[in-house]
Structure formats: C-alpha cells, structure tokens
Amino acid sequence: METIRKHYPDLDHISDDVLVTHGNALCLARGQALVDQAKKTKQELELSGKQASAVLGTAHGLCGRNVFG
C-alpha cells in the first residue's frame, strides 16, 4: 500500500482493504482473467486509465512479496 499511497496520492479515496482485495485478485489472474480483472478493477474503483495502470503495475510488481512483514 505504501507504494500506491506514495506515488499515486489521487487514489487516497480508496480504502487499503479495497486496494488489497483488487491487488490480490490482479496478482492471481493470468491471461484473459487478468484482462477481465483489470477491467473490473477500473470500473469498480472508478479509475482513469492511468490510475488503473498504476494499480495493475504495482500489484504485479509486488505479487508474491510479503510487503507487510
């Protein structure tokens, strides 16, 4: 969350729990499921294309890392 909060302060209206939920879903998705999840995240969180790219990029950059420990 720190990466998103630090680099994309315009997403501060979205709770940490919601970002984590969508980030986890993006980490787990592959192929068409990733495309579908990215669209779902963009729509549900009412993100611009740039914001959606930031969330997607950050999620995939952190997949599998224990960022809380």
N, C-alpha and C. Protein backbone atom coordinates (compact mmCIF):
# COMPACT_ATOMS: atom_id res chain seq x y z
N MET A 1 0.80 -1.18 0.00
CA MET A 1 0.00 0.00 0.00
C MET A 1 0.85 1.25 0.00
N GLU A 2 2.01 1.20 0.66
CA GLU A 2 2.84 2.40 0.71
C GLU A 2 3.23 2.86 -0.69
N THR A 3 3.50 1.92 -1.58
CA THR A 3 3.90 2.29 -2.94
C THR A 3 2.78 3.05 -3.63
N ILE A 4 1.57 2.53 -3.54
CA ILE A 4 0.42 3.21 -4.15
C ILE A 4 0.21 4.56 -3.48
N ARG A 5 0.20 4.59 -2.18
CA ARG A 5 -0.07 5.83 -1.44
C ARG A 5 1.01 6.89 -1.72
N LYS A 6 2.25 6.46 -1.80
CA LYS A 6 3.36 7.38 -2.01
C LYS A 6 3.37 7.96 -3.42
N HIS A 7 3.16 7.11 -4.41
CA HIS A 7 3.30 7.53 -5.79
C HIS A 7 1.99 7.96 -6.47
N TYR A 8 0.87 7.58 -5.90
CA TYR A 8 -0.43 7.89 -6.50
C TYR A 8 -1.38 8.41 -5.44
N PRO A 9 -1.11 9.61 -4.91
CA PRO A 9 -1.97 10.15 -3.85
C PRO A 9 -3.41 10.41 -4.29
N ASP A 10 -3.65 10.44 -5.60
CA ASP A 10 -5.01 10.66 -6.08
C ASP A 10 -5.90 9.44 -5.84
N LEU A 11 -5.31 8.35 -5.38
CA LEU A 11 -6.09 7.15 -5.04
C LEU A 11 -6.43 7.08 -3.55
N ASP A 12 -6.19 8.17 -2.83
CA ASP A 12 -6.40 8.15 -1.39
C ASP A 12 -7.85 7.99 -0.97
N HIS A 13 -8.77 8.14 -1.91
CA HIS A 13 -10.19 7.94 -1.59
C HIS A 13 -10.59 6.47 -1.56
N ILE A 14 -9.66 5.60 -1.94
CA ILE A 14 -9.92 4.16 -1.94
C ILE A 14 -9.27 3.55 -0.70
N SER A 15 -10.03 2.77 0.06
CA SER A 15 -9.50 2.21 1.30
C SER A 15 -8.41 1.19 1.03
N ASP A 16 -7.56 1.00 2.02
CA ASP A 16 -6.49 0.00 1.91
C ASP A 16 -7.06 -1.39 1.65
N ASP A 17 -8.15 -1.74 2.35
CA ASP A 17 -8.74 -3.06 2.19
C ASP A 17 -9.20 -3.30 0.76
N VAL A 18 -9.80 -2.30 0.15
CA VAL A 18 -10.28 -2.44 -1.22
C VAL A 18 -9.10 -2.57 -2.18
N LEU A 19 -8.06 -1.76 -1.98
CA LEU A 19 -6.87 -1.86 -2.84
C LEU A 19 -6.20 -3.22 -2.70
N VAL A 20 -6.11 -3.72 -1.48
CA VAL A 20 -5.51 -5.04 -1.26
C VAL A 20 -6.33 -6.13 -1.94
N THR A 21 -7.64 -6.06 -1.80
CA THR A 21 -8.51 -7.06 -2.43
C THR A 21 -8.32 -7.07 -3.94
N HIS A 22 -8.35 -5.91 -4.56
CA HIS A 22 -8.17 -5.84 -6.01
C HIS A 22 -6.73 -6.20 -6.40
N GLY A 23 -5.77 -5.76 -5.62
CA GLY A 23 -4.37 -6.11 -5.90
C GLY A 23 -4.14 -7.61 -5.86
N ASN A 24 -4.71 -8.27 -4.87
CA ASN A 24 -4.59 -9.73 -4.76
C ASN A 24 -5.24 -10.42 -5.95
N ALA A 25 -6.40 -9.94 -6.35
CA ALA A 25 -7.09 -10.53 -7.50
C ALA A 25 -6.26 -10.35 -8.77
N LEU A 26 -5.63 -9.20 -8.92
CA LEU A 26 -4.77 -8.96 -10.08
C LEU A 26 -3.53 -9.85 -10.05
N CYS A 27 -3.00 -10.11 -8.87
CA CYS A 27 -1.82 -10.98 -8.74
C CYS A 27 -2.13 -12.41 -9.17
N LEU A 28 -3.31 -12.85 -8.85
CA LEU A 28 -3.69 -14.25 -9.11
C LEU A 28 -4.13 -14.49 -10.55
N ALA A 29 -4.53 -13.46 -11.23
CA ALA A 29 -5.09 -13.61 -12.58
C ALA A 29 -4.00 -13.74 -13.64
N ARG A 30 -4.32 -14.54 -14.66
CA ARG A 30 -3.41 -14.73 -15.80
C ARG A 30 -4.25 -14.72 -17.08
N GLY A 31 -3.64 -14.34 -18.18
CA GLY A 31 -4.31 -14.39 -19.47
C GLY A 31 -5.56 -13.53 -19.51
N GLN A 32 -6.61 -14.09 -20.07
CA GLN A 32 -7.87 -13.35 -20.20
C GLN A 32 -8.44 -12.97 -18.84
N ALA A 33 -8.21 -13.80 -17.84
CA ALA A 33 -8.70 -13.47 -16.49
C ALA A 33 -8.05 -12.19 -15.98
N LEU A 34 -6.80 -11.95 -16.35
CA LEU A 34 -6.12 -10.72 -15.95
C LEU A 34 -6.76 -9.51 -16.63
N VAL A 35 -7.05 -9.64 -17.91
CA VAL A 35 -7.71 -8.56 -18.64
C VAL A 35 -9.07 -8.27 -18.01
N ASP A 36 -9.83 -9.32 -17.73
CA ASP A 36 -11.15 -9.15 -17.13
C ASP A 36 -11.06 -8.51 -15.75
N GLN A 37 -10.09 -8.94 -14.95
CA GLN A 37 -9.93 -8.38 -13.60
C GLN A 37 -9.49 -6.93 -13.68
N ALA A 38 -8.63 -6.59 -14.61
CA ALA A 38 -8.18 -5.20 -14.76
C ALA A 38 -9.37 -4.30 -15.12
N LYS A 39 -10.23 -4.78 -16.01
CA LYS A 39 -11.43 -4.02 -16.38
C LYS A 39 -12.36 -3.87 -15.17
N LYS A 40 -12.52 -4.95 -14.42
CA LYS A 40 -13.39 -4.93 -13.25
C LYS A 40 -12.85 -3.95 -12.20
N THR A 41 -11.55 -3.99 -11.98
CA THR A 41 -10.94 -3.08 -11.01
C THR A 41 -11.14 -1.64 -11.45
N LYS A 42 -10.88 -1.36 -12.72
CA LYS A 42 -11.04 0.00 -13.23
C LYS A 42 -12.47 0.49 -13.04
N GLN A 43 -13.42 -0.37 -13.37
CA GLN A 43 -14.84 0.02 -13.28
C GLN A 43 -15.28 0.17 -11.82
N GLU A 44 -15.01 -0.84 -11.00
CA GLU A 44 -15.49 -0.81 -9.61
C GLU A 44 -14.87 0.32 -8.80
N LEU A 45 -13.61 0.63 -9.08
CA LEU A 45 -12.94 1.68 -8.32
C LEU A 45 -13.04 3.04 -9.00
N GLU A 46 -13.72 3.07 -10.15
CA GLU A 46 -13.91 4.29 -10.91
C GLU A 46 -12.57 4.99 -11.19
N LEU A 47 -11.65 4.24 -11.78
CA LEU A 47 -10.31 4.72 -12.06
C LEU A 47 -10.18 5.23 -13.49
N SER A 48 -9.28 6.17 -13.68
CA SER A 48 -8.91 6.57 -15.03
C SER A 48 -7.99 5.48 -15.58
N GLY A 49 -7.70 5.54 -16.84
CA GLY A 49 -6.78 4.57 -17.43
C GLY A 49 -5.41 4.61 -16.77
N LYS A 50 -4.92 5.81 -16.49
CA LYS A 50 -3.62 5.98 -15.84
C LYS A 50 -3.63 5.38 -14.43
N GLN A 51 -4.70 5.63 -13.69
CA GLN A 51 -4.80 5.08 -12.33
C GLN A 51 -4.88 3.56 -12.36
N ALA A 52 -5.66 3.02 -13.29
CA ALA A 52 -5.79 1.57 -13.41
C ALA A 52 -4.44 0.94 -13.74
N SER A 53 -3.69 1.57 -14.62
CA SER A 53 -2.35 1.07 -14.96
C SER A 53 -1.44 1.08 -13.75
N ALA A 54 -1.56 2.11 -12.93
CA ALA A 54 -0.74 2.20 -11.72
C ALA A 54 -1.06 1.07 -10.76
N VAL A 55 -2.34 0.80 -10.55
CA VAL A 55 -2.75 -0.27 -9.65
C VAL A 55 -2.28 -1.62 -10.20
N LEU A 56 -2.50 -1.84 -11.49
CA LEU A 56 -2.09 -3.10 -12.11
C LEU A 56 -0.58 -3.29 -12.02
N GLY A 57 0.17 -2.26 -12.38
CA GLY A 57 1.63 -2.36 -12.34
C GLY A 57 2.16 -2.59 -10.95
N THR A 58 1.61 -1.88 -10.00
CA THR A 58 2.05 -2.04 -8.61
C THR A 58 1.71 -3.43 -8.09
N ALA A 59 0.50 -3.88 -8.37
CA ALA A 59 0.09 -5.22 -7.92
C ALA A 59 1.03 -6.28 -8.48
N HIS A 60 1.28 -6.24 -9.76
CA HIS A 60 2.14 -7.25 -10.37
C HIS A 60 3.59 -7.12 -9.94
N GLY A 61 4.02 -5.91 -9.65
CA GLY A 61 5.38 -5.72 -9.15
C GLY A 61 5.58 -6.26 -7.76
N LEU A 62 4.52 -6.34 -6.99
CA LEU A 62 4.59 -6.81 -5.61
C LEU A 62 4.06 -8.21 -5.40
N CYS A 63 3.55 -8.85 -6.44
CA CYS A 63 2.99 -10.21 -6.29
C CYS A 63 4.00 -11.15 -5.67
N GLY A 64 3.54 -11.87 -4.68
CA GLY A 64 4.38 -12.88 -4.03
C GLY A 64 5.33 -12.33 -2.98
N ARG A 65 5.38 -11.03 -2.82
CA ARG A 65 6.24 -10.44 -1.81
C ARG A 65 5.44 -10.17 -0.55
N ASN A 66 6.04 -10.37 0.57
CA ASN A 66 5.40 -10.06 1.84
C ASN A 66 5.67 -8.60 2.16
N VAL A 67 4.80 -7.72 1.69
CA VAL A 67 5.03 -6.29 1.87
C VAL A 67 4.60 -5.80 3.26
N PHE A 68 4.03 -6.69 4.05
CA PHE A 68 3.57 -6.28 5.38
C PHE A 68 4.50 -6.79 6.48
N GLY A 69 5.50 -7.57 6.12
CA GLY A 69 6.32 -8.18 7.16
C GLY A 69 7.68 -7.67 7.31
